[in-house]
Amino acid sequence: MVCRWVLESAADALQAFPGQGQMKPEQAELTLLRREGLQLKGGVEHLKKAAVYFVKGAL
């Protein structure tokens, strides 16, 4: 395990130990995209409910 840490530190000194408040840029982007995806899903569900409400009101 220590050997792996040494190799990671040598390969990418600034981002060798993410998780201490430092995410790699790829991980940060993935987290952002996942969060946006969840927001979009919530918006779609809200629109579906609104569409059902308006269809019922039109009948």
N, C-alpha and C. Protein backbone atom coordinates (compact mmCIF):
# COMPACT_ATOMS: atom_id res chain seq x y z
N MET A 1 0.82 -1.18 0.00
CA MET A 1 0.00 0.00 0.00
C MET A 1 0.88 1.25 0.00
N VAL A 2 1.90 1.27 0.79
CA VAL A 2 2.81 2.42 0.84
C VAL A 2 3.50 2.58 -0.50
N CYS A 3 3.85 1.47 -1.12
CA CYS A 3 4.50 1.52 -2.43
C CYS A 3 3.60 2.21 -3.45
N ARG A 4 2.31 1.90 -3.40
CA ARG A 4 1.35 2.51 -4.33
C ARG A 4 1.28 4.01 -4.09
N TRP A 5 1.27 4.43 -2.83
CA TRP A 5 1.23 5.85 -2.51
C TRP A 5 2.46 6.57 -3.04
N VAL A 6 3.61 5.94 -2.92
CA VAL A 6 4.84 6.54 -3.41
C VAL A 6 4.78 6.70 -4.92
N LEU A 7 4.29 5.67 -5.61
CA LEU A 7 4.18 5.75 -7.07
C LEU A 7 3.19 6.81 -7.49
N GLU A 8 2.04 6.91 -6.81
CA GLU A 8 1.06 7.94 -7.14
C GLU A 8 1.63 9.33 -6.90
N SER A 9 2.35 9.48 -5.82
CA SER A 9 2.95 10.77 -5.50
C SER A 9 3.97 11.17 -6.55
N ALA A 10 4.74 10.23 -7.02
CA ALA A 10 5.75 10.52 -8.04
C ALA A 10 5.10 10.84 -9.38
N ALA A 11 4.01 10.17 -9.70
CA ALA A 11 3.37 10.36 -11.00
C ALA A 11 2.62 11.69 -11.08
N ASP A 12 1.94 12.06 -10.01
CA ASP A 12 1.12 13.27 -10.04
C ASP A 12 1.14 13.88 -8.64
N ALA A 13 2.16 14.65 -8.38
CA ALA A 13 2.39 15.15 -7.02
C ALA A 13 1.26 16.01 -6.48
N LEU A 14 0.64 16.83 -7.32
CA LEU A 14 -0.42 17.72 -6.84
C LEU A 14 -1.72 16.99 -6.57
N GLN A 15 -1.98 15.92 -7.31
CA GLN A 15 -3.24 15.20 -7.18
C GLN A 15 -3.03 13.76 -6.71
N ALA A 16 -1.96 13.50 -6.02
CA ALA A 16 -1.63 12.13 -5.65
C ALA A 16 -2.59 11.54 -4.63
N PHE A 17 -3.10 12.36 -3.76
CA PHE A 17 -3.95 11.85 -2.69
C PHE A 17 -5.29 12.58 -2.67
N PRO A 18 -6.12 12.37 -3.66
CA PRO A 18 -7.43 13.01 -3.65
C PRO A 18 -8.27 12.44 -2.52
N GLY A 19 -9.27 13.18 -2.14
CA GLY A 19 -10.12 12.73 -1.05
C GLY A 19 -9.90 13.58 0.19
N GLN A 20 -8.85 14.34 0.20
CA GLN A 20 -8.58 15.26 1.30
C GLN A 20 -9.06 16.66 0.89
N GLY A 21 -10.23 16.71 0.26
CA GLY A 21 -10.75 17.98 -0.22
C GLY A 21 -10.25 18.32 -1.60
N GLN A 22 -9.48 17.43 -2.21
CA GLN A 22 -8.94 17.69 -3.54
C GLN A 22 -9.37 16.56 -4.47
N MET A 23 -10.25 16.89 -5.40
CA MET A 23 -10.64 15.91 -6.41
C MET A 23 -9.84 16.16 -7.67
N LYS A 24 -9.60 15.11 -8.39
CA LYS A 24 -8.99 15.28 -9.70
C LYS A 24 -10.01 15.97 -10.59
N PRO A 25 -9.56 16.72 -11.59
CA PRO A 25 -10.50 17.44 -12.46
C PRO A 25 -11.55 16.52 -13.10
N GLU A 26 -11.14 15.32 -13.47
CA GLU A 26 -12.08 14.38 -14.09
C GLU A 26 -13.17 13.98 -13.09
N GLN A 27 -12.77 13.77 -11.85
CA GLN A 27 -13.73 13.39 -10.82
C GLN A 27 -14.68 14.54 -10.51
N ALA A 28 -14.17 15.75 -10.48
CA ALA A 28 -15.00 16.92 -10.22
C ALA A 28 -16.02 17.10 -11.33
N GLU A 29 -15.59 16.92 -12.57
CA GLU A 29 -16.51 17.06 -13.70
C GLU A 29 -17.58 15.97 -13.66
N LEU A 30 -17.19 14.76 -13.34
CA LEU A 30 -18.15 13.66 -13.25
C LEU A 30 -19.18 13.93 -12.15
N THR A 31 -18.74 14.43 -11.02
CA THR A 31 -19.65 14.76 -9.93
C THR A 31 -20.63 15.84 -10.36
N LEU A 32 -20.13 16.86 -11.04
CA LEU A 32 -20.99 17.94 -11.53
C LEU A 32 -22.02 17.41 -12.53
N LEU A 33 -21.59 16.56 -13.45
CA LEU A 33 -22.51 16.02 -14.44
C LEU A 33 -23.56 15.13 -13.80
N ARG A 34 -23.18 14.36 -12.81
CA ARG A 34 -24.16 13.52 -12.11
C ARG A 34 -25.19 14.39 -11.39
N ARG A 35 -24.74 15.45 -10.76
CA ARG A 35 -25.65 16.35 -10.06
C ARG A 35 -26.62 17.00 -11.05
N GLU A 36 -26.11 17.45 -12.19
CA GLU A 36 -26.96 18.04 -13.22
C GLU A 36 -27.96 17.03 -13.75
N GLY A 37 -27.53 15.79 -13.92
CA GLY A 37 -28.43 14.74 -14.39
C GLY A 37 -29.58 14.51 -13.42
N LEU A 38 -29.28 14.51 -12.13
CA LEU A 38 -30.33 14.35 -11.13
C LEU A 38 -31.31 15.52 -11.16
N GLN A 39 -30.80 16.72 -11.35
CA GLN A 39 -31.68 17.89 -11.44
C GLN A 39 -32.57 17.79 -12.67
N LEU A 40 -32.03 17.34 -13.78
CA LEU A 40 -32.83 17.21 -15.00
C LEU A 40 -33.91 16.16 -14.83
N LYS A 41 -33.58 15.05 -14.18
CA LYS A 41 -34.58 14.01 -13.94
C LYS A 41 -35.71 14.55 -13.08
N GLY A 42 -35.37 15.33 -12.07
CA GLY A 42 -36.38 15.94 -11.22
C GLY A 42 -37.27 16.89 -12.00
N GLY A 43 -36.69 17.64 -12.91
CA GLY A 43 -37.46 18.55 -13.75
C GLY A 43 -38.41 17.81 -14.67
N VAL A 44 -37.96 16.71 -15.22
CA VAL A 44 -38.80 15.90 -16.10
C VAL A 44 -39.98 15.34 -15.32
N GLU A 45 -39.73 14.85 -14.12
CA GLU A 45 -40.81 14.31 -13.29
C GLU A 45 -41.83 15.40 -12.97
N HIS A 46 -41.34 16.59 -12.68
CA HIS A 46 -42.24 17.71 -12.38
C HIS A 46 -43.09 18.04 -13.60
N LEU A 47 -42.49 18.06 -14.77
CA LEU A 47 -43.24 18.36 -16.00
C LEU A 47 -44.28 17.28 -16.29
N LYS A 48 -43.95 16.03 -16.02
CA LYS A 48 -44.92 14.95 -16.22
C LYS A 48 -46.13 15.13 -15.32
N LYS A 49 -45.89 15.47 -14.06
CA LYS A 49 -46.99 15.69 -13.12
C LYS A 49 -47.84 16.89 -13.55
N ALA A 50 -47.19 17.94 -14.01
CA ALA A 50 -47.92 19.12 -14.46
C ALA A 50 -48.75 18.79 -15.69
N ALA A 51 -48.22 18.00 -16.60
CA ALA A 51 -48.96 17.63 -17.80
C ALA A 51 -50.20 16.83 -17.44
N VAL A 52 -50.08 15.91 -16.49
CA VAL A 52 -51.24 15.12 -16.05
C VAL A 52 -52.28 16.05 -15.43
N TYR A 53 -51.84 17.00 -14.64
CA TYR A 53 -52.76 17.94 -13.99
C TYR A 53 -53.53 18.74 -15.04
N PHE A 54 -52.84 19.25 -16.05
CA PHE A 54 -53.50 20.07 -17.06
C PHE A 54 -54.40 19.24 -17.96
N VAL A 55 -54.03 18.01 -18.24
CA VAL A 55 -54.88 17.14 -19.05
C VAL A 55 -56.18 16.85 -18.30
N LYS A 56 -56.08 16.58 -17.01
CA LYS A 56 -57.28 16.33 -16.20
C LYS A 56 -58.16 17.57 -16.15
N GLY A 57 -57.56 18.73 -16.09
CA GLY A 57 -58.32 19.99 -16.05
C GLY A 57 -59.02 20.28 -17.37
N ALA A 58 -58.46 19.82 -18.47
CA ALA A 58 -59.04 20.08 -19.80
C ALA A 58 -60.22 19.16 -20.08
N LEU A 59 -60.31 18.03 -19.40
CA LEU A 59 -61.39 17.09 -19.64
C LEU A 59 -62.57 17.48 -18.88
